[in-house]
Amino acid sequence: MTTLERPLVGTEQLTMAASLNRALSDALSADDKVLVFGEDVGPLGGVFRVTDGLAEKFGERRVFDTPLAESGIVGTAIGMAMNGLRPVVEMQFDAFAYPAFEQITSHLAKLRNRTRGRVGLPVVIRIPYGGGIGGVEHHCDSSEAYYTHTPGLRVVTPGTPADAYDLLRDAIECPDPVIFLEPKRRYWAKGEVSFDRTSAPMDRAVVRRAGKDVTLIAYGPMVTTAMETAEAAVEEGWDVEVVDLRSLTPFDDETVAASVRRTGRAVVVHEASGFGGYGAEVAARLTERCFHHLQAPILRVTGFDIPYPAPKLEEFHLPSVDRVLDAIARLQWDDTAELPGGRRA
């Protein structure tokens, strides 16, 4: 029995790619207004095989290939949504979406406000993003800040296979346009996926690991890195809490600020370059809301402020467990605390 034929109940061990595939299949089955289209998403099943088998099951009127014209793909989706459909489109790689940026920011994000709410645009734009796959430039961008800076768009990104299913189902049913960022380096990571959709709402962050000393704030591909850091930090005597943002906009101030107030320290982790990056907004919001609870400045661990490097160098560019541990060590600790290597705070 294939993934597309399985019943809509219970739990399974799935990769993130398979979880997204299942979410698309279930959404297409549940609502005949849902359409899936983009470059090579039909018979090929997409570059990462996320749409594998969908065209065969639902037919070429529901799942189909488009020309290599991202602006045209999004423009077509806008027209479809204005006429009552729910298009789900794929940008083949993160930087490939830039030709569609004018359609996204000038029209998709603004039409509901421009019409005083009379015209909704329930469009989902799926964008594989981030590095870690040995790709070259135009294939490894972390472009989330462009979209989060645009009022009128929701921006979400899953960090686990379970969230991949729930968030994509929620995004497709959402009346607003959603930029759905898929961390391509985690497509093959497996996890337990439930289909009862009882996870947190789409616009809420979740605490992935409870801790009392410092809060690691991550999203998308860096959730796994944050969890690995938290486990490694136990040997250093640090009890690390991990918060998975899930929704980049709207931002869940309540959950994130509550965590930082408990721990008194915070480190924000993301792959995108640091200057003007999304982590700067997170740090600013937390400083405004948690200033009197902070024991140290909020730190960021990010990609470097350079164009994405060649594949052989990306391991140095991307935040690693060691880099995050080093940031934790740089936080202001009690004078009696011993840091790695026998150093004192």
C-alpha atoms as a PDB file:
ATOM      1  CA  MET A   1       0.000   0.000   0.000  1.00  0.00           C
ATOM      2  CA  THR A   2       1.489   3.377  -1.015  1.00  0.00           C
ATOM      3  CA  THR A   3       1.571   6.565   1.038  1.00  0.00           C
ATOM      4  CA  LEU A   4      -1.249   7.979  -1.085  1.00  0.00           C
ATOM      5  CA  GLU A   5      -3.527   5.011  -0.331  1.00  0.00           C
ATOM      6  CA  ARG A   6      -3.152   4.860   3.431  1.00  0.00           C
ATOM      7  CA  PRO A   7      -6.082   5.773   5.688  1.00  0.00           C
ATOM      8  CA  LEU A   8      -6.339   9.208   7.276  1.00  0.00           C
ATOM      9  CA  VAL A   9      -5.868   7.905  10.839  1.00  0.00           C
ATOM     10  CA  GLY A  10      -3.153   6.748  13.214  1.00  0.00           C
ATOM     11  CA  THR A  11       0.566   7.509  13.132  1.00  0.00           C
ATOM     12  CA  GLU A  12       3.461   6.475  10.909  1.00  0.00           C
ATOM     13  CA  GLN A  13       7.208   6.896  10.669  1.00  0.00           C
ATOM     14  CA  LEU A  14       7.684   9.152   7.649  1.00  0.00           C
ATOM     15  CA  THR A  15      10.348  11.368   6.168  1.00  0.00           C
ATOM     16  CA  MET A  16       9.515  15.034   5.929  1.00  0.00           C
ATOM     17  CA  ALA A  17       9.184  14.711   2.138  1.00  0.00           C
ATOM     18  CA  ALA A  18       6.719  11.824   2.532  1.00  0.00           C
ATOM     19  CA  SER A  19       4.817  13.758   5.188  1.00  0.00           C
ATOM     20  CA  LEU A  20       4.417  16.725   2.838  1.00  0.00           C
ATOM     21  CA  ASN A  21       3.341  14.370   0.069  1.00  0.00           C
ATOM     22  CA  ARG A  22       0.698  12.894   2.345  1.00  0.00           C
ATOM     23  CA  ALA A  23      -0.518  16.371   3.335  1.00  0.00           C
ATOM     24  CA  LEU A  24      -0.929  17.375  -0.311  1.00  0.00           C
ATOM     25  CA  SER A  25      -2.723  14.137  -1.119  1.00  0.00           C
ATOM     26  CA  ASP A  26      -5.118  14.487   1.806  1.00  0.00           C
ATOM     27  CA  ALA A  27      -5.821  18.139   0.965  1.00  0.00           C
ATOM     28  CA  LEU A  28      -6.543  17.281  -2.677  1.00  0.00           C
ATOM     29  CA  SER A  29      -8.887  14.507  -1.549  1.00  0.00           C
ATOM     30  CA  ALA A  30     -10.670  16.701   0.988  1.00  0.00           C
ATOM     31  CA  ASP A  31     -11.346  19.709  -1.269  1.00  0.00           C
ATOM     32  CA  ASP A  32     -11.755  19.642  -5.044  1.00  0.00           C
ATOM     33  CA  LYS A  33     -10.864  23.348  -5.175  1.00  0.00           C
ATOM     34  CA  VAL A  34      -7.243  22.525  -4.241  1.00  0.00           C
ATOM     35  CA  LEU A  35      -4.791  22.447  -7.157  1.00  0.00           C
ATOM     36  CA  VAL A  36      -1.050  21.693  -7.162  1.00  0.00           C
ATOM     37  CA  PHE A  37       1.209  23.018  -9.899  1.00  0.00           C
ATOM     38  CA  GLY A  38       4.737  24.187 -10.635  1.00  0.00           C
ATOM     39  CA  GLU A  39       7.886  23.157 -12.465  1.00  0.00           C
ATOM     40  CA  ASP A  40       8.203  19.361 -12.791  1.00  0.00           C
ATOM     41  CA  VAL A  41       5.664  18.635 -10.033  1.00  0.00           C
ATOM     42  CA  GLY A  42       3.554  16.434 -12.347  1.00  0.00           C
ATOM     43  CA  PRO A  43       4.741  13.031 -13.628  1.00  0.00           C
ATOM     44  CA  LEU A  44       8.291  13.567 -12.330  1.00  0.00           C
ATOM     45  CA  GLY A  45       7.039  14.260  -8.799  1.00  0.00           C
ATOM     46  CA  GLY A  46       9.234  17.312  -8.211  1.00  0.00           C
ATOM     47  CA  VAL A  47      12.986  17.659  -7.800  1.00  0.00           C
ATOM     48  CA  PHE A  48      12.727  16.310  -4.255  1.00  0.00           C
ATOM     49  CA  ARG A  49       9.834  13.939  -5.099  1.00  0.00           C
ATOM     50  CA  VAL A  50       7.464  15.725  -2.722  1.00  0.00           C
ATOM     51  CA  THR A  51       4.639  15.494  -5.292  1.00  0.00           C
ATOM     52  CA  ASP A  52       5.453  11.927  -6.324  1.00  0.00           C
ATOM     53  CA  GLY A  53       2.333  10.026  -7.442  1.00  0.00           C
ATOM     54  CA  LEU A  54      -0.074  12.944  -7.101  1.00  0.00           C
ATOM     55  CA  ALA A  55      -0.528  13.561 -10.826  1.00  0.00           C
ATOM     56  CA  GLU A  56      -1.252   9.885 -11.423  1.00  0.00           C
ATOM     57  CA  LYS A  57      -3.840   9.778  -8.629  1.00  0.00           C
ATOM     58  CA  PHE A  58      -5.619  13.106  -9.188  1.00  0.00           C
ATOM     59  CA  GLY A  59      -5.084  13.727 -12.884  1.00  0.00           C
ATOM     60  CA  GLU A  60      -3.488  16.508 -14.895  1.00  0.00           C
ATOM     61  CA  ARG A  61      -6.322  18.957 -14.221  1.00  0.00           C
ATOM     62  CA  ARG A  62      -5.506  18.936 -10.480  1.00  0.00           C
ATOM     63  CA  VAL A  63      -1.728  18.379 -10.490  1.00  0.00           C
ATOM     64  CA  PHE A  64       0.222  19.706 -13.456  1.00  0.00           C
ATOM     65  CA  ASP A  65       3.503  21.089 -14.747  1.00  0.00           C
ATOM     66  CA  THR A  66       4.017  24.713 -15.729  1.00  0.00           C
ATOM     67  CA  PRO A  67       6.500  26.573 -17.943  1.00  0.00           C
ATOM     68  CA  LEU A  68       9.730  27.767 -16.345  1.00  0.00           C
ATOM     69  CA  ALA A  69       8.244  31.134 -15.412  1.00  0.00           C
ATOM     70  CA  GLU A  70       7.887  31.750 -11.690  1.00  0.00           C
ATOM     71  CA  SER A  71       6.176  35.118 -12.103  1.00  0.00           C
ATOM     72  CA  GLY A  72       3.612  33.478 -14.368  1.00  0.00           C
ATOM     73  CA  ILE A  73       3.088  30.624 -11.893  1.00  0.00           C
ATOM     74  CA  VAL A  74       2.253  32.971  -9.030  1.00  0.00           C
ATOM     75  CA  GLY A  75       0.246  35.326 -11.239  1.00  0.00           C
ATOM     76  CA  THR A  76      -1.861  32.384 -12.410  1.00  0.00           C
ATOM     77  CA  ALA A  77      -2.356  31.272  -8.811  1.00  0.00           C
ATOM     78  CA  ILE A  78      -3.587  34.750  -7.862  1.00  0.00           C
ATOM     79  CA  GLY A  79      -6.165  34.697 -10.643  1.00  0.00           C
ATOM     80  CA  MET A  80      -7.318  31.217  -9.655  1.00  0.00           C
ATOM     81  CA  ALA A  81      -7.692  32.215  -5.998  1.00  0.00           C
ATOM     82  CA  MET A  82      -9.716  35.288  -6.970  1.00  0.00           C
ATOM     83  CA  ASN A  83     -12.121  32.897  -8.674  1.00  0.00           C
ATOM     84  CA  GLY A  84     -12.602  30.535  -5.743  1.00  0.00           C
ATOM     85  CA  LEU A  85      -9.810  27.973  -6.104  1.00  0.00           C
ATOM     86  CA  ARG A  86      -7.070  27.075  -3.611  1.00  0.00           C
ATOM     87  CA  PRO A  87      -3.801  26.809  -5.544  1.00  0.00           C
ATOM     88  CA  VAL A  88      -0.676  25.275  -4.002  1.00  0.00           C
ATOM     89  CA  VAL A  89       2.339  26.198  -6.108  1.00  0.00           C
ATOM     90  CA  GLU A  90       5.953  25.124  -5.873  1.00  0.00           C
ATOM     91  CA  MET A  91       9.012  27.255  -6.452  1.00  0.00           C
ATOM     92  CA  GLN A  92      11.605  24.625  -7.353  1.00  0.00           C
ATOM     93  CA  PHE A  93      14.380  26.217  -5.260  1.00  0.00           C
ATOM     94  CA  ASP A  94      14.523  29.178  -2.884  1.00  0.00           C
ATOM     95  CA  ALA A  95      16.316  31.645  -5.185  1.00  0.00           C
ATOM     96  CA  PHE A  96      14.174  30.564  -8.139  1.00  0.00           C
ATOM     97  CA  ALA A  97      11.278  32.379  -6.443  1.00  0.00           C
ATOM     98  CA  TYR A  98      12.837  35.811  -6.915  1.00  0.00           C
ATOM     99  CA  PRO A  99      11.367  36.352 -10.411  1.00  0.00           C
ATOM    100  CA  ALA A 100       7.935  36.012  -8.747  1.00  0.00           C
ATOM    101  CA  PHE A 101       8.762  38.461  -5.968  1.00  0.00           C
ATOM    102  CA  GLU A 102       6.882  41.380  -7.540  1.00  0.00           C
ATOM    103  CA  GLN A 103       3.729  39.285  -7.893  1.00  0.00           C
ATOM    104  CA  ILE A 104       4.041  38.135  -4.274  1.00  0.00           C
ATOM    105  CA  THR A 105       4.717  41.494  -2.652  1.00  0.00           C
ATOM    106  CA  SER A 106       2.711  43.827  -4.895  1.00  0.00           C
ATOM    107  CA  HIS A 107      -0.377  41.696  -5.463  1.00  0.00           C
ATOM    108  CA  LEU A 108      -0.615  38.498  -3.421  1.00  0.00           C
ATOM    109  CA  ALA A 109       0.161  40.244  -0.138  1.00  0.00           C
ATOM    110  CA  LYS A 110      -1.937  43.349  -0.774  1.00  0.00           C
ATOM    111  CA  LEU A 111      -5.137  42.392  -2.573  1.00  0.00           C
ATOM    112  CA  ARG A 112      -7.174  41.504   0.503  1.00  0.00           C
ATOM    113  CA  ASN A 113      -6.369  44.853   2.115  1.00  0.00           C
ATOM    114  CA  ARG A 114      -6.844  46.685  -1.182  1.00  0.00           C
ATOM    115  CA  THR A 115     -10.379  45.289  -1.494  1.00  0.00           C
ATOM    116  CA  ARG A 116     -11.214  45.873   2.208  1.00  0.00           C
ATOM    117  CA  GLY A 117     -11.442  42.145   2.774  1.00  0.00           C
ATOM    118  CA  ARG A 118     -13.831  41.371  -0.087  1.00  0.00           C
ATOM    119  CA  VAL A 119     -11.229  39.341  -2.021  1.00  0.00           C
ATOM    120  CA  GLY A 120      -9.244  36.673  -0.204  1.00  0.00           C
ATOM    121  CA  LEU A 121      -6.267  34.916  -1.696  1.00  0.00           C
ATOM    122  CA  PRO A 122      -5.878  31.411  -0.219  1.00  0.00           C
ATOM    123  CA  VAL A 123      -2.635  30.681  -2.063  1.00  0.00           C
ATOM    124  CA  VAL A 124       0.177  28.516  -0.667  1.00  0.00           C
ATOM    125  CA  ILE A 125       3.645  28.996  -2.139  1.00  0.00           C
ATOM    126  CA  ARG A 126       5.908  26.074  -1.281  1.00  0.00           C
ATOM    127  CA  ILE A 127       9.590  26.996  -1.291  1.00  0.00           C
ATOM    128  CA  PRO A 128      12.387  24.501  -0.526  1.00  0.00           C
ATOM    129  CA  TYR A 129      14.984  26.649   1.261  1.00  0.00           C
ATOM    130  CA  GLY A 130      18.297  26.590   3.098  1.00  0.00           C
ATOM    131  CA  GLY A 131      21.544  24.721   2.644  1.00  0.00           C
ATOM    132  CA  GLY A 132      23.074  21.478   3.772  1.00  0.00           C
ATOM    133  CA  ILE A 133      22.640  19.556   0.504  1.00  0.00           C
ATOM    134  CA  GLY A 134      25.889  20.458  -1.255  1.00  0.00           C
ATOM    135  CA  GLY A 135      24.131  22.773  -3.661  1.00  0.00           C
ATOM    136  CA  VAL A 136      25.508  25.823  -5.414  1.00  0.00           C
ATOM    137  CA  GLU A 137      24.291  29.420  -5.403  1.00  0.00           C
ATOM    138  CA  HIS A 138      20.629  29.916  -6.358  1.00  0.00           C
ATOM    139  CA  HIS A 139      19.884  26.567  -4.681  1.00  0.00           C
ATOM    140  CA  CYS A 140      20.627  27.222  -0.993  1.00  0.00           C
ATOM    141  CA  ASP A 141      19.241  30.650  -0.074  1.00  0.00           C
ATOM    142  CA  SER A 142      17.483  31.389   3.204  1.00  0.00           C
ATOM    143  CA  SER A 143      15.131  34.111   2.023  1.00  0.00           C
ATOM    144  CA  GLU A 144      12.644  34.187   4.900  1.00  0.00           C
ATOM    145  CA  ALA A 145      13.320  37.809   5.894  1.00  0.00           C
ATOM    146  CA  TYR A 146      12.114  39.064   2.499  1.00  0.00           C
ATOM    147  CA  TYR A 147       8.704  37.516   3.095  1.00  0.00           C
ATOM    148  CA  THR A 148       8.347  38.234   6.809  1.00  0.00           C
ATOM    149  CA  HIS A 149       8.997  41.914   6.048  1.00  0.00           C
ATOM    150  CA  THR A 150       5.944  41.956   3.760  1.00  0.00           C
ATOM    151  CA  PRO A 151       2.653  42.653   5.583  1.00  0.00           C
ATOM    152  CA  GLY A 152      -0.202  40.501   4.311  1.00  0.00           C
ATOM    153  CA  LEU A 153       1.758  37.252   4.103  1.00  0.00           C
ATOM    154  CA  ARG A 154       1.877  34.409   6.592  1.00  0.00           C
ATOM    155  CA  VAL A 155       5.239  32.656   6.711  1.00  0.00           C
ATOM    156  CA  VAL A 156       5.610  29.211   8.278  1.00  0.00           C
ATOM    157  CA  THR A 157       8.309  26.552   8.271  1.00  0.00           C
ATOM    158  CA  PRO A 158       8.265  23.038   9.740  1.00  0.00           C
ATOM    159  CA  GLY A 159      11.131  21.656  11.793  1.00  0.00           C
ATOM    160  CA  THR A 160       9.838  18.077  12.051  1.00  0.00           C
ATOM    161  CA  PRO A 161       8.002  15.610   9.776  1.00  0.00           C
ATOM    162  CA  ALA A 162       4.950  15.825  12.042  1.00  0.00           C
ATOM    163  CA  ASP A 163       4.783  19.599  11.701  1.00  0.00           C
ATOM    164  CA  ALA A 164       5.305  19.306   7.947  1.00  0.00           C
ATOM    165  CA  TYR A 165       1.981  17.488   7.682  1.00  0.00           C
ATOM    166  CA  ASP A 166       0.002  19.659  10.091  1.00  0.00           C
ATOM    167  CA  LEU A 167       1.355  23.020   8.963  1.00  0.00           C
ATOM    168  CA  LEU A 168       0.822  22.293   5.273  1.00  0.00           C
ATOM    169  CA  ARG A 169      -2.758  21.140   5.857  1.00  0.00           C
ATOM    170  CA  ASP A 170      -3.405  24.280   7.924  1.00  0.00           C
ATOM    171  CA  ALA A 171      -1.749  26.498   5.314  1.00  0.00           C
ATOM    172  CA  ILE A 172      -3.916  25.110   2.509  1.00  0.00           C
ATOM    173  CA  GLU A 173      -7.072  25.737   4.538  1.00  0.00           C
ATOM    174  CA  CYS A 174      -5.989  29.238   5.586  1.00  0.00           C
ATOM    175  CA  PRO A 175      -7.857  32.161   3.954  1.00  0.00           C
ATOM    176  CA  ASP A 176      -4.642  34.197   3.735  1.00  0.00           C
ATOM    177  CA  PRO A 177      -1.658  33.708   1.409  1.00  0.00           C
ATOM    178  CA  VAL A 178       1.002  31.529   3.026  1.00  0.00           C
ATOM    179  CA  ILE A 179       4.690  31.269   2.201  1.00  0.00           C
ATOM    180  CA  PHE A 180       5.512  27.682   3.163  1.00  0.00           C
ATOM    181  CA  LEU A 181       9.267  27.271   3.605  1.00  0.00           C
ATOM    182  CA  GLU A 182      10.472  23.668   3.465  1.00  0.00           C
ATOM    183  CA  PRO A 183      13.953  22.964   4.925  1.00  0.00           C
ATOM    184  CA  LYS A 184      15.388  20.859   2.132  1.00  0.00           C
ATOM    185  CA  ARG A 185      18.233  19.435   4.231  1.00  0.00           C
ATOM    186  CA  ARG A 186      15.566  17.803   6.452  1.00  0.00           C
ATOM    187  CA  TYR A 187      13.501  16.246   3.644  1.00  0.00           C
ATOM    188  CA  TRP A 188      14.946  12.798   4.415  1.00  0.00           C
ATOM    189  CA  ALA A 189      14.787  13.008   8.219  1.00  0.00           C
ATOM    190  CA  LYS A 190      12.277  10.560   9.680  1.00  0.00           C
ATOM    191  CA  GLY A 191       9.856  11.070  12.529  1.00  0.00           C
ATOM    192  CA  GLU A 192       6.533   9.996  13.965  1.00  0.00           C
ATOM    193  CA  VAL A 193       3.672  11.655  12.077  1.00  0.00           C
ATOM    194  CA  SER A 194       0.109  11.757  13.376  1.00  0.00           C
ATOM    195  CA  PHE A 195      -2.820  12.491  11.103  1.00  0.00           C
ATOM    196  CA  ASP A 196      -5.327  13.591  13.749  1.00  0.00           C
ATOM    197  CA  ARG A 197      -4.109  17.217  13.482  1.00  0.00           C
ATOM    198  CA  THR A 198      -4.029  17.909  17.208  1.00  0.00           C
ATOM    199  CA  SER A 199      -0.762  19.863  17.178  1.00  0.00           C
ATOM    200  CA  ALA A 200      -0.470  23.542  18.031  1.00  0.00           C
ATOM    201  CA  PRO A 201      -2.273  26.057  15.803  1.00  0.00           C
ATOM    202  CA  MET A 202      -0.363  27.263  12.761  1.00  0.00           C
ATOM    203  CA  ASP A 203       0.550  30.606  14.325  1.00  0.00           C
ATOM    204  CA  ARG A 204       1.964  29.214  17.593  1.00  0.00           C
ATOM    205  CA  ALA A 205       5.499  28.298  18.611  1.00  0.00           C
ATOM    206  CA  VAL A 206       6.163  25.134  20.607  1.00  0.00           C
ATOM    207  CA  VAL A 207       8.690  24.218  23.289  1.00  0.00           C
ATOM    208  CA  ARG A 208      10.518  21.173  21.914  1.00  0.00           C
ATOM    209  CA  ARG A 209      12.632  20.667  25.023  1.00  0.00           C
ATOM    210  CA  ALA A 210      12.191  22.149  28.485  1.00  0.00           C
ATOM    211  CA  GLY A 211      15.183  23.666  30.273  1.00  0.00           C
ATOM    212  CA  LYS A 212      16.032  26.262  32.904  1.00  0.00           C
ATOM    213  CA  ASP A 213      19.367  27.866  31.984  1.00  0.00           C
ATOM    214  CA  VAL A 214      19.051  29.256  28.446  1.00  0.00           C
ATOM    215  CA  THR A 215      16.516  29.325  25.599  1.00  0.00           C
ATOM    216  CA  LEU A 216      17.571  28.307  22.096  1.00  0.00           C
ATOM    217  CA  ILE A 217      15.192  29.794  19.518  1.00  0.00           C
ATOM    218  CA  ALA A 218      15.221  28.103  16.129  1.00  0.00           C
ATOM    219  CA  TYR A 219      13.038  27.283  13.152  1.00  0.00           C
ATOM    220  CA  GLY A 220      13.037  25.062  10.099  1.00  0.00           C
ATOM    221  CA  PRO A 221      16.397  23.337   9.488  1.00  0.00           C
ATOM    222  CA  MET A 222      17.932  24.643  12.705  1.00  0.00           C
ATOM    223  CA  VAL A 223      15.421  22.943  15.020  1.00  0.00           C
ATOM    224  CA  THR A 224      17.365  19.691  14.736  1.00  0.00           C
ATOM    225  CA  THR A 225      20.643  21.539  15.321  1.00  0.00           C
ATOM    226  CA  ALA A 226      19.180  23.204  18.414  1.00  0.00           C
ATOM    227  CA  MET A 227      17.989  19.874  19.796  1.00  0.00           C
ATOM    228  CA  GLU A 228      21.418  18.314  19.197  1.00  0.00           C
ATOM    229  CA  THR A 229      23.023  21.294  20.939  1.00  0.00           C
ATOM    230  CA  ALA A 230      20.734  20.896  23.932  1.00  0.00           C
ATOM    231  CA  GLU A 231      21.792  17.270  24.306  1.00  0.00           C
ATOM    232  CA  ALA A 232      25.480  18.155  23.960  1.00  0.00           C
ATOM    233  CA  ALA A 233      25.093  20.972  26.509  1.00  0.00           C
ATOM    234  CA  VAL A 234      24.187  18.493  29.232  1.00  0.00           C
ATOM    235  CA  GLU A 235      27.854  17.483  29.433  1.00  0.00           C
ATOM    236  CA  GLU A 236      28.743  21.133  30.055  1.00  0.00           C
ATOM    237  CA  GLY A 237      26.209  21.424  32.852  1.00  0.00           C
ATOM    238  CA  TRP A 238      23.719  23.600  30.943  1.00  0.00           C
ATOM    239  CA  ASP A 239      20.004  22.821  30.923  1.00  0.00           C
ATOM    240  CA  VAL A 240      18.841  24.153  27.561  1.00  0.00           C
ATOM    241  CA  GLU A 241      15.266  24.907  26.502  1.00  0.00           C
ATOM    242  CA  VAL A 242      14.497  24.719  22.776  1.00  0.00           C
ATOM    243  CA  VAL A 243      11.686  26.745  21.195  1.00  0.00           C
ATOM    244  CA  ASP A 244      10.610  25.963  17.634  1.00  0.00           C
ATOM    245  CA  LEU A 245       9.009  29.097  16.169  1.00  0.00           C
ATOM    246  CA  ARG A 246       7.114  27.280  13.363  1.00  0.00           C
ATOM    247  CA  SER A 247       5.353  30.538  12.413  1.00  0.00           C
ATOM    248  CA  LEU A 248       7.726  33.354  11.473  1.00  0.00           C
ATOM    249  CA  THR A 249       4.847  35.717  10.876  1.00  0.00           C
ATOM    250  CA  PRO A 250       2.668  36.175  12.782  1.00  0.00           C
ATOM    251  CA  PHE A 251       5.170  35.821  15.611  1.00  0.00           C
ATOM    252  CA  ASP A 252       4.155  34.064  18.820  1.00  0.00           C
ATOM    253  CA  ASP A 253       5.403  36.624  21.346  1.00  0.00           C
ATOM    254  CA  GLU A 254       3.605  34.914  24.219  1.00  0.00           C
ATOM    255  CA  THR A 255       5.274  31.507  24.016  1.00  0.00           C
ATOM    256  CA  VAL A 256       8.759  32.755  23.174  1.00  0.00           C
ATOM    257  CA  ALA A 257       8.829  35.562  25.749  1.00  0.00           C
ATOM    258  CA  ALA A 258       7.529  33.241  28.479  1.00  0.00           C
ATOM    259  CA  SER A 259      10.438  30.883  27.833  1.00  0.00           C
ATOM    260  CA  VAL A 260      13.044  33.650  27.923  1.00  0.00           C
ATOM    261  CA  ARG A 261      11.590  35.080  31.136  1.00  0.00           C
ATOM    262  CA  ARG A 262      11.991  31.649  32.722  1.00  0.00           C
ATOM    263  CA  THR A 263      15.592  31.096  31.647  1.00  0.00           C
ATOM    264  CA  GLY A 264      16.916  34.675  31.573  1.00  0.00           C
ATOM    265  CA  ARG A 265      19.129  33.977  28.572  1.00  0.00           C
ATOM    266  CA  ALA A 266      18.499  33.428  24.860  1.00  0.00           C
ATOM    267  CA  VAL A 267      20.316  32.489  21.657  1.00  0.00           C
ATOM    268  CA  VAL A 268      18.616  32.769  18.253  1.00  0.00           C
ATOM    269  CA  VAL A 269      19.829  30.372  15.547  1.00  0.00           C
ATOM    270  CA  HIS A 270      19.212  30.542  11.796  1.00  0.00           C
ATOM    271  CA  GLU A 271      21.000  29.729   8.538  1.00  0.00           C
ATOM    272  CA  ALA A 272      20.436  33.099   6.863  1.00  0.00           C
ATOM    273  CA  SER A 273      23.129  35.763   7.113  1.00  0.00           C
ATOM    274  CA  GLY A 274      23.130  37.763  10.321  1.00  0.00           C
ATOM    275  CA  PHE A 275      22.959  41.384   9.180  1.00  0.00           C
ATOM    276  CA  GLY A 276      19.303  42.366   8.777  1.00  0.00           C
ATOM    277  CA  GLY A 277      18.333  38.743   9.358  1.00  0.00           C
ATOM    278  CA  TYR A 278      15.193  37.399  10.981  1.00  0.00           C
ATOM    279  CA  GLY A 279      17.053  36.785  14.249  1.00  0.00           C
ATOM    280  CA  ALA A 280      17.534  40.531  14.685  1.00  0.00           C
ATOM    281  CA  GLU A 281      13.763  41.008  14.848  1.00  0.00           C
ATOM    282  CA  VAL A 282      13.425  38.161  17.348  1.00  0.00           C
ATOM    283  CA  ALA A 283      16.166  39.652  19.539  1.00  0.00           C
ATOM    284  CA  ALA A 284      14.569  43.107  19.404  1.00  0.00           C
ATOM    285  CA  ARG A 285      11.105  41.840  20.339  1.00  0.00           C
ATOM    286  CA  LEU A 286      12.470  39.819  23.243  1.00  0.00           C
ATOM    287  CA  THR A 287      14.568  42.725  24.496  1.00  0.00           C
ATOM    288  CA  GLU A 288      11.456  44.924  24.540  1.00  0.00           C
ATOM    289  CA  ARG A 289       9.383  42.325  26.386  1.00  0.00           C
ATOM    290  CA  CYS A 290      11.920  40.600  28.631  1.00  0.00           C
ATOM    291  CA  PHE A 291      14.553  43.252  29.414  1.00  0.00           C
ATOM    292  CA  HIS A 292      14.227  43.077  33.199  1.00  0.00           C
ATOM    293  CA  HIS A 293      14.400  39.276  33.144  1.00  0.00           C
ATOM    294  CA  LEU A 294      17.562  39.011  31.039  1.00  0.00           C
ATOM    295  CA  GLN A 295      20.808  37.921  32.688  1.00  0.00           C
ATOM    296  CA  ALA A 296      22.794  38.547  29.482  1.00  0.00           C
ATOM    297  CA  PRO A 297      22.408  40.113  26.026  1.00  0.00           C
ATOM    298  CA  ILE A 298      20.522  38.016  23.462  1.00  0.00           C
ATOM    299  CA  LEU A 299      22.971  36.438  21.043  1.00  0.00           C
ATOM    300  CA  ARG A 300      22.579  35.200  17.461  1.00  0.00           C
ATOM    301  CA  VAL A 301      24.247  32.326  15.660  1.00  0.00           C
ATOM    302  CA  THR A 302      23.747  32.679  11.912  1.00  0.00           C
ATOM    303  CA  GLY A 303      25.237  32.141   8.507  1.00  0.00           C
ATOM    304  CA  PHE A 304      27.995  34.567   7.588  1.00  0.00           C
ATOM    305  CA  ASP A 305      27.336  37.804   5.709  1.00  0.00           C
ATOM    306  CA  ILE A 306      28.485  36.436   2.359  1.00  0.00           C
ATOM    307  CA  PRO A 307      26.846  34.974  -0.743  1.00  0.00           C
ATOM    308  CA  TYR A 308      26.229  31.276  -0.207  1.00  0.00           C
ATOM    309  CA  PRO A 309      29.607  29.504  -0.460  1.00  0.00           C
ATOM    310  CA  ALA A 310      30.743  26.583  -2.590  1.00  0.00           C
ATOM    311  CA  PRO A 311      29.610  23.113  -1.423  1.00  0.00           C
ATOM    312  CA  LYS A 312      32.958  22.244   0.175  1.00  0.00           C
ATOM    313  CA  LEU A 313      32.707  25.294   2.446  1.00  0.00           C
ATOM    314  CA  GLU A 314      29.073  25.192   3.495  1.00  0.00           C
ATOM    315  CA  GLU A 315      29.770  23.191   6.662  1.00  0.00           C
ATOM    316  CA  PHE A 316      31.770  26.187   7.938  1.00  0.00           C
ATOM    317  CA  HIS A 317      29.086  28.645   6.856  1.00  0.00           C
ATOM    318  CA  LEU A 318      26.096  26.956   8.473  1.00  0.00           C
ATOM    319  CA  PRO A 319      25.500  27.154  12.242  1.00  0.00           C
ATOM    320  CA  SER A 320      26.754  23.997  13.936  1.00  0.00           C
ATOM    321  CA  VAL A 321      26.418  22.487  17.392  1.00  0.00           C
ATOM    322  CA  ASP A 322      29.901  23.750  18.289  1.00  0.00           C
ATOM    323  CA  ARG A 323      29.090  27.310  17.198  1.00  0.00           C
ATOM    324  CA  VAL A 324      25.880  27.332  19.210  1.00  0.00           C
ATOM    325  CA  LEU A 325      27.644  25.890  22.276  1.00  0.00           C
ATOM    326  CA  ASP A 326      30.254  28.632  21.934  1.00  0.00           C
ATOM    327  CA  ALA A 327      27.502  31.267  21.948  1.00  0.00           C
ATOM    328  CA  ILE A 328      26.017  29.757  25.101  1.00  0.00           C
ATOM    329  CA  ALA A 329      29.458  29.887  26.703  1.00  0.00           C
ATOM    330  CA  ARG A 330      29.708  33.608  25.864  1.00  0.00           C
ATOM    331  CA  LEU A 331      26.574  34.433  27.827  1.00  0.00           C
ATOM    332  CA  GLN A 332      27.114  36.083  31.223  1.00  0.00           C
ATOM    333  CA  TRP A 333      27.248  33.327  33.814  1.00  0.00           C
ATOM    334  CA  ASP A 334      27.952  33.378  37.522  1.00  0.00           C
ATOM    335  CA  ASP A 335      31.607  34.096  38.360  1.00  0.00           C
ATOM    336  CA  THR A 336      31.945  30.643  39.885  1.00  0.00           C
ATOM    337  CA  ALA A 337      30.682  28.839  36.765  1.00  0.00           C
ATOM    338  CA  GLU A 338      33.270  26.879  34.818  1.00  0.00           C
ATOM    339  CA  LEU A 339      33.030  27.085  31.054  1.00  0.00           C
ATOM    340  CA  PRO A 340      34.338  24.523  28.528  1.00  0.00           C
ATOM    341  CA  GLY A 341      38.102  24.095  28.597  1.00  0.00           C
ATOM    342  CA  GLY A 342      38.342  25.082  32.252  1.00  0.00           C
ATOM    343  CA  ARG A 343      37.689  28.763  31.571  1.00  0.00           C
ATOM    344  CA  ARG A 344      35.878  30.980  34.056  1.00  0.00           C
ATOM    345  CA  ALA A 345      33.029  33.335  33.215  1.00  0.00           C
END
